Amino acid sequence: FTTLTASGDVNFDSGTLFVDASENRVGMGISTPDFSLHLQQGASSAYTEVAFNHPSSSSGLGAKVYLSGTNTPASRGVVLDAEKLSGNAHDFHIYTSSSGATPTKALTIANNNDISFYEDTGTTAKLTWDASAESLNFADNSKAIFGAGSDLQIYHTGSNSIIDDLGTGNLLIRSD
């Protein structure tokens, strides 16, 4: 057949694919889906896996998942992106957007496990966890801020290192 038309629930291969017409839900591996799309692994000892693969072996391509709280395709909300690099390496990116704007990069987990947080335009990493050096690196003018009222700020301007004690208490440096 080329077209299947059905009314009511449709069950393929005992729950391999199940369409719950009354609830507008689709189950894969389950015949009682609880969500719009519900995936469940058949064996309890196996992971439930979903694969999004790009057929190209070219760098710069990968797979993306768009998550949105609206039904407007242009309002992509959050984008999860697995970017293929050379060889079999991949970086994972999270993009966010507001008010239907083009999503901007918020976070990258690199294939070497470095984690970078980006500024509001998504172009420059301002804070990076360097996994191999086990160090947290702040870009120039990015502040480490402590206290509910931003009482203590530590940062580097590119020329000077600054410790600002903006609170009402004292700045104490202790030693044994």
Protein backbone atom coordinates (compact mmCIF):
# COMPACT_ATOMS: atom_id res chain seq x y z
CA PHE A 1 0.00 0.00 0.00
CA THR A 2 1.06 3.60 -0.53
CA THR A 3 -1.39 5.32 1.84
CA LEU A 4 -2.87 4.09 5.09
CA THR A 5 -5.99 5.75 6.39
CA ALA A 6 -7.33 4.73 9.76
CA SER A 7 -9.72 6.04 12.35
CA GLY A 8 -9.20 5.26 16.01
CA ASP A 9 -6.06 3.77 17.52
CA VAL A 10 -3.51 2.05 15.29
CA ASN A 11 -1.19 -0.63 16.64
CA PHE A 12 1.73 -1.95 14.57
CA ASP A 13 3.50 -5.12 15.68
CA SER A 14 2.08 -5.19 19.24
CA GLY A 15 3.24 -1.76 20.34
CA THR A 16 6.34 -1.33 18.18
CA LEU A 17 4.48 1.72 16.86
CA PHE A 18 1.20 2.76 18.46
CA VAL A 19 -0.99 5.76 17.59
CA ASP A 20 -3.43 6.73 20.35
CA ALA A 21 -6.04 8.68 18.37
CA SER A 22 -8.13 9.76 21.36
CA GLU A 23 -5.13 11.35 23.17
CA ASN A 24 -3.20 12.41 20.02
CA ARG A 25 -0.11 10.51 21.20
CA VAL A 26 2.40 8.19 19.52
CA GLY A 27 4.16 5.38 21.32
CA MET A 28 7.22 3.52 20.11
CA GLY A 29 7.84 0.38 22.12
CA ILE A 30 4.76 1.15 24.24
CA SER A 31 1.04 0.86 23.51
CA THR A 32 -0.02 3.29 26.27
CA PRO A 33 1.93 6.48 25.51
CA ASP A 34 1.91 9.12 28.27
CA PHE A 35 3.38 11.91 26.11
CA SER A 36 2.96 13.33 22.61
CA LEU A 37 5.87 11.10 21.59
CA HIS A 38 6.72 8.34 24.07
CA LEU A 39 9.69 6.04 23.48
CA GLN A 40 10.25 2.98 25.64
CA GLN A 41 12.85 0.25 25.33
CA GLY A 42 11.39 -3.24 25.26
CA ALA A 43 13.97 -4.94 27.49
CA SER A 44 14.44 -3.57 31.01
CA SER A 45 18.21 -4.14 30.85
CA ALA A 46 18.75 -1.98 27.76
CA TYR A 47 18.93 1.79 27.29
CA THR A 48 16.24 3.61 25.37
CA GLU A 49 18.16 5.09 22.49
CA VAL A 50 17.26 7.64 19.86
CA ALA A 51 19.70 8.33 17.05
CA PHE A 52 19.83 11.46 14.92
CA ASN A 53 22.48 10.91 12.28
CA HIS A 54 23.66 13.12 9.47
CA PRO A 55 24.57 11.11 6.35
CA SER A 56 27.61 13.25 5.48
CA SER A 57 31.11 12.65 6.79
CA SER A 58 32.00 16.33 6.26
CA SER A 59 33.15 18.44 9.19
CA GLY A 60 30.82 21.18 10.38
CA LEU A 61 27.70 19.08 9.94
CA GLY A 62 25.90 17.02 12.54
CA ALA A 63 22.50 16.54 14.11
CA LYS A 64 20.26 19.14 15.76
CA VAL A 65 17.24 18.88 18.01
CA TYR A 66 14.95 21.90 18.32
CA LEU A 67 12.98 22.36 21.55
CA SER A 68 10.31 25.03 21.79
CA GLY A 69 7.36 25.92 23.95
CA THR A 70 5.49 27.33 20.97
CA ASN A 71 4.09 25.88 17.78
CA THR A 72 5.90 28.48 15.66
CA PRO A 73 8.85 26.93 13.79
CA ALA A 74 10.76 30.23 13.83
CA SER A 75 10.67 30.25 17.66
CA ARG A 76 13.17 27.49 18.16
CA GLY A 77 13.68 28.13 21.88
CA VAL A 78 16.58 25.78 22.60
CA VAL A 79 18.74 23.99 20.03
CA LEU A 80 20.88 20.96 20.89
CA ASP A 81 23.63 20.54 18.29
CA ALA A 82 26.12 17.71 17.83
CA GLU A 83 28.71 19.23 15.51
CA LYS A 84 30.96 16.82 13.62
CA LEU A 85 34.62 17.74 13.60
CA SER A 86 37.46 15.97 11.80
CA GLY A 87 37.61 12.22 12.25
CA ASN A 88 34.92 10.96 14.61
CA ALA A 89 35.19 13.87 17.06
CA HIS A 90 32.08 15.85 17.95
CA ASP A 91 31.39 18.99 19.96
CA PHE A 92 28.05 19.47 21.69
CA HIS A 93 26.46 22.93 21.70
CA ILE A 94 23.40 24.37 23.39
CA TYR A 95 21.84 27.44 21.77
CA THR A 96 19.08 29.54 23.36
CA SER A 97 16.82 32.30 22.08
CA SER A 98 14.28 34.77 23.36
CA SER A 99 11.25 36.33 21.69
CA GLY A 100 11.72 34.39 18.45
CA ALA A 101 15.26 35.68 17.92
CA THR A 102 17.87 33.59 16.15
CA PRO A 103 19.32 31.15 18.71
CA THR A 104 22.75 32.08 20.10
CA LYS A 105 25.37 29.73 21.49
CA ALA A 106 25.20 29.52 25.29
CA LEU A 107 27.35 26.47 26.06
CA THR A 108 29.79 24.11 24.35
CA ILE A 109 31.09 20.79 25.60
CA ALA A 110 34.12 20.08 23.43
CA ASN A 111 35.27 16.63 22.40
CA ASN A 112 38.15 16.96 24.91
CA ASN A 113 35.60 17.62 27.72
CA ASP A 114 36.34 21.34 27.99
CA ILE A 115 33.15 23.28 28.83
CA SER A 116 32.72 26.86 27.60
CA PHE A 117 30.06 29.41 28.54
CA TYR A 118 29.40 32.23 26.06
CA GLU A 119 28.38 35.87 26.42
CA ASP A 120 24.96 37.05 25.27
CA THR A 121 25.80 37.22 21.54
CA GLY A 122 27.06 33.62 21.51
CA THR A 123 30.35 34.43 19.78
CA THR A 124 32.95 34.57 22.59
CA ALA A 125 33.54 32.10 25.40
CA LYS A 126 33.84 34.06 28.64
CA LEU A 127 34.26 31.15 31.08
CA THR A 128 35.88 27.82 30.25
CA TRP A 129 36.53 24.70 32.29
CA ASP A 130 39.80 23.29 30.90
CA ALA A 131 39.44 19.58 31.63
CA SER A 132 43.05 18.60 30.93
CA ALA A 133 44.49 21.39 33.12
CA GLU A 134 41.68 21.07 35.69
CA SER A 135 41.31 24.85 35.71
CA LEU A 136 38.50 27.36 35.42
CA ASN A 137 39.52 30.15 33.05
CA PHE A 138 37.85 33.57 32.99
CA ALA A 139 38.20 35.81 29.93
CA ASP A 140 39.37 39.39 30.48
CA ASN A 141 36.75 41.49 32.29
CA SER A 142 34.72 38.40 33.24
CA LYS A 143 34.14 38.53 36.97
CA ALA A 144 33.97 35.89 39.67
CA ILE A 145 31.28 37.40 41.91
CA PHE A 146 30.55 36.27 45.46
CA GLY A 147 27.79 37.20 47.91
CA ALA A 148 24.09 37.96 47.56
CA GLY A 149 24.82 41.64 46.89
CA SER A 150 27.83 41.01 44.61
CA ASP A 151 29.97 41.90 47.63
CA LEU A 152 33.26 40.49 46.34
CA GLN A 153 34.39 40.64 42.71
CA ILE A 154 37.62 39.23 41.29
CA TYR A 155 38.61 39.84 37.67
CA HIS A 156 41.37 40.77 35.25
CA THR A 157 41.01 43.72 32.85
CA GLY A 158 43.67 42.58 30.39
CA SER A 159 46.16 44.88 32.09
CA ASN A 160 45.33 44.75 35.79
CA SER A 161 44.09 42.15 38.25
CA ILE A 162 41.38 43.50 40.54
CA ILE A 163 39.80 42.38 43.80
CA ASP A 164 36.81 44.61 44.64
CA ASP A 165 35.37 44.38 48.16
CA LEU A 166 32.05 46.15 47.71
CA GLY A 167 30.39 44.80 50.85
CA THR A 168 29.99 46.34 54.29
CA GLY A 169 32.39 43.94 56.05
CA ASN A 170 36.15 43.62 55.92
CA LEU A 171 38.29 41.86 53.32
CA LEU A 172 40.39 39.41 55.31
CA ILE A 173 43.39 37.48 54.03
CA ARG A 174 44.35 34.72 56.45
CA SER A 175 47.39 32.54 56.84
CA ASP A 176 48.38 29.68 59.15
